[in-house]
């Protein structure tokens, strides 16, 4: 096929019902979106928030009332 010739269309059957495997694949993509390498897991995030809360409470105790 030369570059000047148009591409031949592929005969794809029309989608009927969505199959379970399609839904499972979509769910895997959605789950992977939340497990990006730069984003910490939920437990690490909870730990970080708890450490911040403890640090804030400690700072409130140590600072004199204004």
C-alpha atoms as a PDB file:
ATOM      1  CA  UNK A   1       0.000   0.000   0.000  1.00  0.00           C
ATOM      2  CA  UNK A   2       1.416   3.336  -1.018  1.00  0.00           C
ATOM      3  CA  UNK A   3       1.007   6.417   1.131  1.00  0.00           C
ATOM      4  CA  UNK A   4      -1.335   7.991  -1.386  1.00  0.00           C
ATOM      5  CA  UNK A   5      -3.854   5.145  -1.144  1.00  0.00           C
ATOM      6  CA  UNK A   6      -6.605   5.429   1.451  1.00  0.00           C
ATOM      7  CA  UNK A   7      -6.722   2.929   4.293  1.00  0.00           C
ATOM      8  CA  UNK A   8      -9.300   0.195   3.939  1.00  0.00           C
ATOM      9  CA  UNK A   9     -11.968   0.255   6.681  1.00  0.00           C
ATOM     10  CA  UNK A  10     -12.053  -2.725   8.985  1.00  0.00           C
ATOM     11  CA  UNK A  11     -15.349  -4.523   9.390  1.00  0.00           C
ATOM     12  CA  UNK A  12     -15.998  -4.450  13.123  1.00  0.00           C
ATOM     13  CA  UNK A  13     -19.267  -5.830  14.435  1.00  0.00           C
ATOM     14  CA  UNK A  14     -21.499  -3.282  16.108  1.00  0.00           C
ATOM     15  CA  UNK A  15     -21.262  -3.392  19.888  1.00  0.00           C
ATOM     16  CA  UNK A  16     -24.195  -5.092  21.514  1.00  0.00           C
ATOM     17  CA  UNK A  17     -24.100  -5.706  25.218  1.00  0.00           C
ATOM     18  CA  UNK A  18     -21.057  -4.713  27.208  1.00  0.00           C
ATOM     19  CA  UNK A  19     -19.201  -7.827  28.223  1.00  0.00           C
ATOM     20  CA  UNK A  20     -17.985  -8.467  31.740  1.00  0.00           C
ATOM     21  CA  UNK A  21     -14.390  -8.605  30.509  1.00  0.00           C
ATOM     22  CA  UNK A  22     -14.745  -5.093  29.091  1.00  0.00           C
ATOM     23  CA  UNK A  23     -16.082  -3.818  32.395  1.00  0.00           C
ATOM     24  CA  UNK A  24     -13.293  -5.588  34.281  1.00  0.00           C
ATOM     25  CA  UNK A  25     -10.663  -4.040  32.010  1.00  0.00           C
ATOM     26  CA  UNK A  26     -12.183  -0.592  32.525  1.00  0.00           C
ATOM     27  CA  UNK A  27     -12.118  -1.119  36.298  1.00  0.00           C
ATOM     28  CA  UNK A  28      -8.444  -2.107  36.145  1.00  0.00           C
ATOM     29  CA  UNK A  29      -7.664   1.120  34.290  1.00  0.00           C
ATOM     30  CA  UNK A  30      -9.586   3.153  36.862  1.00  0.00           C
ATOM     31  CA  UNK A  31      -7.826   1.382  39.748  1.00  0.00           C
ATOM     32  CA  UNK A  32      -4.429   1.960  38.143  1.00  0.00           C
ATOM     33  CA  UNK A  33      -5.209   5.648  37.886  1.00  0.00           C
ATOM     34  CA  UNK A  34      -5.315   5.855  41.685  1.00  0.00           C
ATOM     35  CA  UNK A  35      -2.109   3.854  42.124  1.00  0.00           C
ATOM     36  CA  UNK A  36       0.191   6.243  40.338  1.00  0.00           C
ATOM     37  CA  UNK A  37       3.859   6.021  41.344  1.00  0.00           C
ATOM     38  CA  UNK A  38       3.953   9.596  42.664  1.00  0.00           C
ATOM     39  CA  UNK A  39       0.950   9.200  44.945  1.00  0.00           C
ATOM     40  CA  UNK A  40       1.377   7.475  48.312  1.00  0.00           C
ATOM     41  CA  UNK A  41      -1.000   4.650  49.253  1.00  0.00           C
ATOM     42  CA  UNK A  42      -3.957   5.355  51.506  1.00  0.00           C
ATOM     43  CA  UNK A  43      -2.252   4.048  54.644  1.00  0.00           C
ATOM     44  CA  UNK A  44       0.751   6.305  54.114  1.00  0.00           C
ATOM     45  CA  UNK A  45      -1.589   9.264  53.601  1.00  0.00           C
ATOM     46  CA  UNK A  46      -3.489   8.467  56.790  1.00  0.00           C
ATOM     47  CA  UNK A  47      -0.222   8.200  58.695  1.00  0.00           C
ATOM     48  CA  UNK A  48       0.910  11.564  57.326  1.00  0.00           C
ATOM     49  CA  UNK A  49      -2.374  13.227  58.324  1.00  0.00           C
ATOM     50  CA  UNK A  50      -2.150  11.725  61.808  1.00  0.00           C
ATOM     51  CA  UNK A  51       1.428  12.977  62.199  1.00  0.00           C
ATOM     52  CA  UNK A  52       0.339  16.459  61.159  1.00  0.00           C
ATOM     53  CA  UNK A  53      -2.505  16.403  63.694  1.00  0.00           C
ATOM     54  CA  UNK A  54      -0.120  15.366  66.476  1.00  0.00           C
ATOM     55  CA  UNK A  55       2.342  18.094  65.486  1.00  0.00           C
ATOM     56  CA  UNK A  56      -0.436  20.706  65.453  1.00  0.00           C
ATOM     57  CA  UNK A  57      -1.656  19.676  68.922  1.00  0.00           C
ATOM     58  CA  UNK A  58       1.892  19.707  70.283  1.00  0.00           C
ATOM     59  CA  UNK A  59       2.448  23.195  68.862  1.00  0.00           C
ATOM     60  CA  UNK A  60      -0.797  24.435  70.462  1.00  0.00           C
ATOM     61  CA  UNK A  61       0.328  23.127  73.865  1.00  0.00           C
ATOM     62  CA  UNK A  62       3.807  24.633  73.614  1.00  0.00           C
ATOM     63  CA  UNK A  63       2.763  28.069  72.335  1.00  0.00           C
ATOM     64  CA  UNK A  64       1.468  30.509  74.943  1.00  0.00           C
ATOM     65  CA  UNK A  65      -2.077  31.794  74.532  1.00  0.00           C
ATOM     66  CA  UNK A  66      -2.199  34.934  72.476  1.00  0.00           C
END
